[in-house]
Protein backbone atom coordinates (compact mmCIF):
# COMPACT_ATOMS: atom_id res chain seq x y z
CA UNK A 1 -108.62 -29.64 33.30
CA UNK A 2 -110.05 -32.84 31.81
CA UNK A 3 -111.88 -35.30 34.03
CA UNK A 4 -113.71 -38.62 33.61
CA UNK A 5 -116.96 -36.64 33.54
CA UNK A 6 -115.84 -35.12 30.22
CA UNK A 7 -115.68 -38.32 28.20
CA UNK A 8 -116.10 -37.98 24.47
CA UNK A 9 -117.15 -41.05 22.49
CA UNK A 10 -116.99 -41.79 18.78
CA UNK A 11 -118.51 -45.04 17.56
CA UNK A 12 -117.73 -45.97 13.95
CA UNK A 13 -119.97 -48.73 12.61
CA UNK A 14 -120.14 -50.47 9.25
CA UNK A 15 -117.81 -48.19 7.31
CA UNK A 16 -115.50 -49.14 4.47
CA UNK A 17 -111.97 -47.81 3.95
CA UNK A 18 -111.24 -48.82 0.38
CA UNK A 19 -109.33 -45.81 -0.91
CA UNK A 20 -105.79 -46.56 -2.03
CA UNK A 21 -103.68 -44.39 0.25
CA UNK A 22 -100.38 -46.21 -0.28
CA UNK A 23 -97.62 -44.10 1.26
CA UNK A 24 -99.99 -42.17 3.54
CA UNK A 25 -99.66 -43.02 7.24
CA UNK A 26 -103.28 -43.43 8.38
CA UNK A 27 -104.51 -44.49 11.82
CA UNK A 28 -107.87 -45.22 13.42
CA UNK A 29 -107.27 -42.49 15.98
CA UNK A 30 -105.07 -40.94 18.64
CA UNK A 31 -105.68 -39.80 22.23
CA UNK A 32 -107.14 -36.36 21.58
CA UNK A 33 -108.06 -35.84 25.24
CA UNK A 34 -107.29 -37.97 28.31
CA UNK A 35 -110.73 -39.61 28.44
CA UNK A 36 -111.57 -39.99 24.76
CA UNK A 37 -113.23 -43.17 23.53
CA UNK A 38 -113.29 -44.51 19.98
CA UNK A 39 -114.81 -47.81 18.89
CA UNK A 40 -114.57 -49.30 15.38
CA UNK A 41 -116.96 -52.18 14.86
CA UNK A 42 -118.17 -54.30 11.96
CA UNK A 43 -116.20 -52.22 9.47
CA UNK A 44 -114.03 -53.05 6.47
CA UNK A 45 -110.50 -51.74 7.05
CA UNK A 46 -108.25 -51.94 4.00
CA UNK A 47 -104.59 -52.77 4.59
CA UNK A 48 -103.53 -49.99 2.18
CA UNK A 49 -105.28 -47.47 4.40
CA UNK A 50 -104.88 -48.41 8.08
CA UNK A 51 -101.41 -48.58 9.65
CA UNK A 52 -100.93 -52.02 11.31
CA UNK A 53 -100.47 -50.31 14.72
CA UNK A 54 -104.02 -48.99 14.34
CA UNK A 55 -103.63 -46.15 16.81
CA UNK A 56 -100.98 -43.45 17.23
CA UNK A 57 -99.81 -41.60 20.35
CA UNK A 58 -100.46 -37.89 20.80
CA UNK A 59 -97.53 -35.47 20.89
CA UNK A 60 -97.68 -33.64 24.20
CA UNK A 61 -94.39 -31.83 23.73
CA UNK A 62 -93.26 -31.20 20.16
CA UNK A 63 -89.91 -29.83 21.36
CA UNK A 64 -88.93 -33.09 23.08
CA UNK A 65 -90.95 -35.50 20.91
CA UNK A 66 -92.68 -36.67 24.11
CA UNK A 67 -95.79 -38.69 23.34
CA UNK A 68 -98.78 -39.68 25.42
CA UNK A 69 -100.86 -42.81 25.08
CA UNK A 70 -103.13 -41.44 27.80
CA UNK A 71 -103.78 -44.54 29.88
CA UNK A 72 -107.31 -43.28 30.51
CA UNK A 73 -108.44 -43.52 26.85
CA UNK A 74 -110.67 -46.34 25.65
CA UNK A 75 -109.95 -47.41 22.07
CA UNK A 76 -111.58 -50.60 20.88
CA UNK A 77 -112.27 -52.79 17.88
CA UNK A 78 -114.84 -55.47 17.21
CA UNK A 79 -115.60 -57.73 14.26
CA UNK A 80 -113.77 -55.68 11.64
CA UNK A 81 -112.65 -57.26 8.37
CA UNK A 82 -109.98 -56.60 5.74
CA UNK A 83 -106.18 -56.54 5.94
CA UNK A 84 -106.32 -53.35 8.05
CA UNK A 85 -108.34 -55.20 10.70
CA UNK A 86 -105.55 -57.63 11.57
CA UNK A 87 -104.78 -56.79 15.19
CA UNK A 88 -101.56 -58.76 15.73
CA UNK A 89 -99.47 -55.58 15.33
CA UNK A 90 -101.77 -53.21 17.21
CA UNK A 91 -100.48 -50.94 19.97
CA UNK A 92 -100.02 -52.41 23.44
CA UNK A 93 -101.70 -49.67 25.43
CA UNK A 94 -103.67 -50.08 28.62
CA UNK A 95 -106.53 -48.26 26.87
CA UNK A 96 -106.71 -50.49 23.76
CA UNK A 97 -109.33 -53.25 23.78
CA UNK A 98 -110.59 -56.03 21.56
CA UNK A 99 -114.25 -56.24 22.47
CA UNK A 100 -116.29 -59.38 23.01
CA UNK A 101 -119.86 -59.66 21.77
CA UNK A 102 -121.16 -58.93 25.27
CA UNK A 103 -118.95 -55.84 25.62
CA UNK A 104 -119.86 -54.38 22.22
CA UNK A 105 -123.57 -54.44 23.06
CA UNK A 106 -123.02 -51.30 25.18
CA UNK A 107 -122.08 -49.43 21.99
CA UNK A 108 -124.92 -50.52 19.69
CA UNK A 109 -127.25 -47.75 18.61
CA UNK A 110 -130.01 -49.21 20.78
CA UNK A 111 -128.06 -49.36 24.03
CA UNK A 112 -125.77 -46.39 23.44
CA UNK A 113 -128.36 -43.75 22.54
CA UNK A 114 -131.72 -45.48 23.11
CA UNK A 115 -132.44 -45.26 19.39
CA UNK A 116 -135.69 -47.23 19.37
CA UNK A 117 -137.36 -44.43 21.32
CA UNK A 118 -136.65 -41.57 18.94
CA UNK A 119 -134.55 -42.44 15.88
CA UNK A 120 -137.43 -43.83 13.73
CA UNK A 121 -138.95 -40.33 13.65
CA UNK A 122 -135.84 -39.02 11.86
CA UNK A 123 -136.19 -41.38 8.86
CA UNK A 124 -132.49 -42.24 9.24
CA UNK A 125 -131.60 -45.82 8.35
CA UNK A 126 -130.18 -47.77 11.31
CA UNK A 127 -129.82 -51.22 12.90
CA UNK A 128 -130.52 -51.43 16.61
CA UNK A 129 -128.20 -54.27 17.53
CA UNK A 130 -125.67 -55.03 14.73
CA UNK A 131 -127.33 -58.42 14.36
CA UNK A 132 -125.93 -59.54 17.74
């Protein structure tokens, strides 16, 4: 059984979706588990790639077409650009959020994983705070 202690988090930062996928229904994510979290921030989202709804419900019963938006998920967007980043047609789920600058700080590489303490040793390129 899933519980709040089993939260999974995916943070997508500074990506670009520029492939022409006209005719392919593509979303930013769907509730994989009841407490999943996905955040897209400072990314370029092309309108030919991302469905205007942004997020899609999970089928929980294929026989009845029953879908779940799992009210316990946390799906968020911040400072994205491109036609796919227009949020006026996004889903109206309890778990969907448009983050403020203060809220997104929790998901920067510095605050989220304490990167300044260990990431320099890996020689991986990174920005601690997204320029916030």
